[in-house]
Amino acid sequence: MKAADLNIKISLNFKQIVDLVRQLSSAEKQQLSEVLRAEQNIDDIVIPEEHKQIVRERIKKYENSPDSYLSWNDIERKMTDRK
């Protein structure tokens, strides 16, 4: 029997899973993160209403005074000039 053919079911609670994840190497945590992202359905992601409201307020501030803000290119240029 190959390792890939092996199916083991172990009942673990959330805290036990977190404890196991903490034992993983950085590379393994990255791989796990990629698996979890791939498994997540975009429709299951919930954005709290408070966060949505913050974004709406920031957009409104920008629309009322666009010259008060820098583009990402301007920010990068300023950061590069400081070096």
C-alpha atoms as a PDB file:
ATOM      1  CA  MET A   1       0.000   0.000   0.000  1.00  0.00           C
ATOM      2  CA  LYS A   2       1.336   3.427  -0.993  1.00  0.00           C
ATOM      3  CA  ALA A   3       1.191   6.328   1.446  1.00  0.00           C
ATOM      4  CA  ALA A   4      -1.091   8.189  -0.964  1.00  0.00           C
ATOM      5  CA  ASP A   5      -3.594   5.314  -0.728  1.00  0.00           C
ATOM      6  CA  LEU A   6      -3.761   5.449   3.051  1.00  0.00           C
ATOM      7  CA  ASN A   7      -6.852   6.990   4.625  1.00  0.00           C
ATOM      8  CA  ILE A   8      -6.795   7.613   8.367  1.00  0.00           C
ATOM      9  CA  LYS A   9      -9.605   9.392  10.194  1.00  0.00           C
ATOM     10  CA  ILE A  10      -8.681  10.942  13.526  1.00  0.00           C
ATOM     11  CA  SER A  11     -11.101  13.028  15.563  1.00  0.00           C
ATOM     12  CA  LEU A  12      -9.442  16.268  16.621  1.00  0.00           C
ATOM     13  CA  ASN A  13     -10.895  19.423  18.056  1.00  0.00           C
ATOM     14  CA  PHE A  14      -9.915  22.839  16.720  1.00  0.00           C
ATOM     15  CA  LYS A  15      -7.320  23.502  19.436  1.00  0.00           C
ATOM     16  CA  GLN A  16      -5.601  20.197  18.671  1.00  0.00           C
ATOM     17  CA  ILE A  17      -5.455  21.096  14.986  1.00  0.00           C
ATOM     18  CA  VAL A  18      -3.957  24.490  15.819  1.00  0.00           C
ATOM     19  CA  ASP A  19      -1.362  22.777  18.029  1.00  0.00           C
ATOM     20  CA  LEU A  20      -0.444  20.490  15.125  1.00  0.00           C
ATOM     21  CA  VAL A  21      -0.175  23.415  12.703  1.00  0.00           C
ATOM     22  CA  ARG A  22       2.186  25.200  15.088  1.00  0.00           C
ATOM     23  CA  GLN A  23       4.551  22.248  14.770  1.00  0.00           C
ATOM     24  CA  LEU A  24       4.795  22.586  10.985  1.00  0.00           C
ATOM     25  CA  SER A  25       7.787  24.186   9.313  1.00  0.00           C
ATOM     26  CA  SER A  26       7.330  27.544   7.572  1.00  0.00           C
ATOM     27  CA  ALA A  27       7.279  25.809   4.187  1.00  0.00           C
ATOM     28  CA  GLU A  28       4.621  23.354   5.374  1.00  0.00           C
ATOM     29  CA  LYS A  29       2.525  26.203   6.790  1.00  0.00           C
ATOM     30  CA  GLN A  30       2.747  27.939   3.414  1.00  0.00           C
ATOM     31  CA  GLN A  31       1.599  24.760   1.657  1.00  0.00           C
ATOM     32  CA  LEU A  32      -1.279  24.384   4.114  1.00  0.00           C
ATOM     33  CA  SER A  33      -2.257  28.009   3.554  1.00  0.00           C
ATOM     34  CA  GLU A  34      -2.404  27.397  -0.203  1.00  0.00           C
ATOM     35  CA  VAL A  35      -4.550  24.292   0.291  1.00  0.00           C
ATOM     36  CA  LEU A  36      -6.952  26.166   2.575  1.00  0.00           C
ATOM     37  CA  ARG A  37      -7.242  29.055   0.110  1.00  0.00           C
ATOM     38  CA  ALA A  38      -7.948  26.638  -2.731  1.00  0.00           C
ATOM     39  CA  GLU A  39     -10.621  24.895  -0.657  1.00  0.00           C
ATOM     40  CA  GLN A  40     -12.372  28.109   0.351  1.00  0.00           C
ATOM     41  CA  ASN A  41     -15.432  29.088  -1.641  1.00  0.00           C
ATOM     42  CA  ILE A  42     -15.510  32.804  -2.443  1.00  0.00           C
ATOM     43  CA  ASP A  43     -19.210  32.848  -1.533  1.00  0.00           C
ATOM     44  CA  ASP A  44     -18.335  31.705   2.008  1.00  0.00           C
ATOM     45  CA  ILE A  45     -16.192  34.763   2.725  1.00  0.00           C
ATOM     46  CA  VAL A  46     -18.036  37.200   4.962  1.00  0.00           C
ATOM     47  CA  ILE A  47     -16.937  40.812   5.079  1.00  0.00           C
ATOM     48  CA  PRO A  48     -18.247  42.496   8.224  1.00  0.00           C
ATOM     49  CA  GLU A  49     -20.561  45.440   7.604  1.00  0.00           C
ATOM     50  CA  GLU A  50     -18.245  47.659   9.676  1.00  0.00           C
ATOM     51  CA  HIS A  51     -15.392  46.977   7.239  1.00  0.00           C
ATOM     52  CA  LYS A  52     -17.604  47.729   4.270  1.00  0.00           C
ATOM     53  CA  GLN A  53     -18.617  51.013   5.887  1.00  0.00           C
ATOM     54  CA  ILE A  54     -14.957  51.997   6.425  1.00  0.00           C
ATOM     55  CA  VAL A  55     -14.248  51.397   2.733  1.00  0.00           C
ATOM     56  CA  ARG A  56     -17.322  53.410   1.708  1.00  0.00           C
ATOM     57  CA  GLU A  57     -16.194  56.314   3.901  1.00  0.00           C
ATOM     58  CA  ARG A  58     -12.679  56.235   2.451  1.00  0.00           C
ATOM     59  CA  ILE A  59     -14.025  56.193  -1.098  1.00  0.00           C
ATOM     60  CA  LYS A  60     -16.268  59.153  -0.298  1.00  0.00           C
ATOM     61  CA  LYS A  61     -13.321  61.093   1.202  1.00  0.00           C
ATOM     62  CA  TYR A  62     -11.280  60.377  -1.917  1.00  0.00           C
ATOM     63  CA  GLU A  63     -14.102  61.418  -4.251  1.00  0.00           C
ATOM     64  CA  ASN A  64     -14.513  64.688  -2.327  1.00  0.00           C
ATOM     65  CA  SER A  65     -10.801  65.478  -2.413  1.00  0.00           C
ATOM     66  CA  PRO A  66      -8.846  63.323  -4.901  1.00  0.00           C
ATOM     67  CA  ASP A  67      -5.887  65.735  -4.953  1.00  0.00           C
ATOM     68  CA  SER A  68      -5.272  65.011  -1.268  1.00  0.00           C
ATOM     69  CA  TYR A  69      -4.209  61.449  -2.049  1.00  0.00           C
ATOM     70  CA  LEU A  70      -1.165  59.917  -3.718  1.00  0.00           C
ATOM     71  CA  SER A  71      -1.228  57.205  -6.348  1.00  0.00           C
ATOM     72  CA  TRP A  72       0.652  54.004  -5.653  1.00  0.00           C
ATOM     73  CA  ASN A  73       3.250  55.064  -8.251  1.00  0.00           C
ATOM     74  CA  ASP A  74       3.809  58.333  -6.375  1.00  0.00           C
ATOM     75  CA  ILE A  75       4.240  56.462  -3.094  1.00  0.00           C
ATOM     76  CA  GLU A  76       6.758  54.058  -4.653  1.00  0.00           C
ATOM     77  CA  ARG A  77       8.670  56.969  -6.174  1.00  0.00           C
ATOM     78  CA  LYS A  78       8.842  58.764  -2.808  1.00  0.00           C
ATOM     79  CA  MET A  79      10.047  55.597  -1.101  1.00  0.00           C
ATOM     80  CA  THR A  80      12.712  55.059  -3.764  1.00  0.00           C
ATOM     81  CA  ASP A  81      13.871  58.679  -3.487  1.00  0.00           C
ATOM     82  CA  ARG A  82      14.449  58.266   0.255  1.00  0.00           C
ATOM     83  CA  LYS A  83      17.022  55.518  -0.264  1.00  0.00           C
END
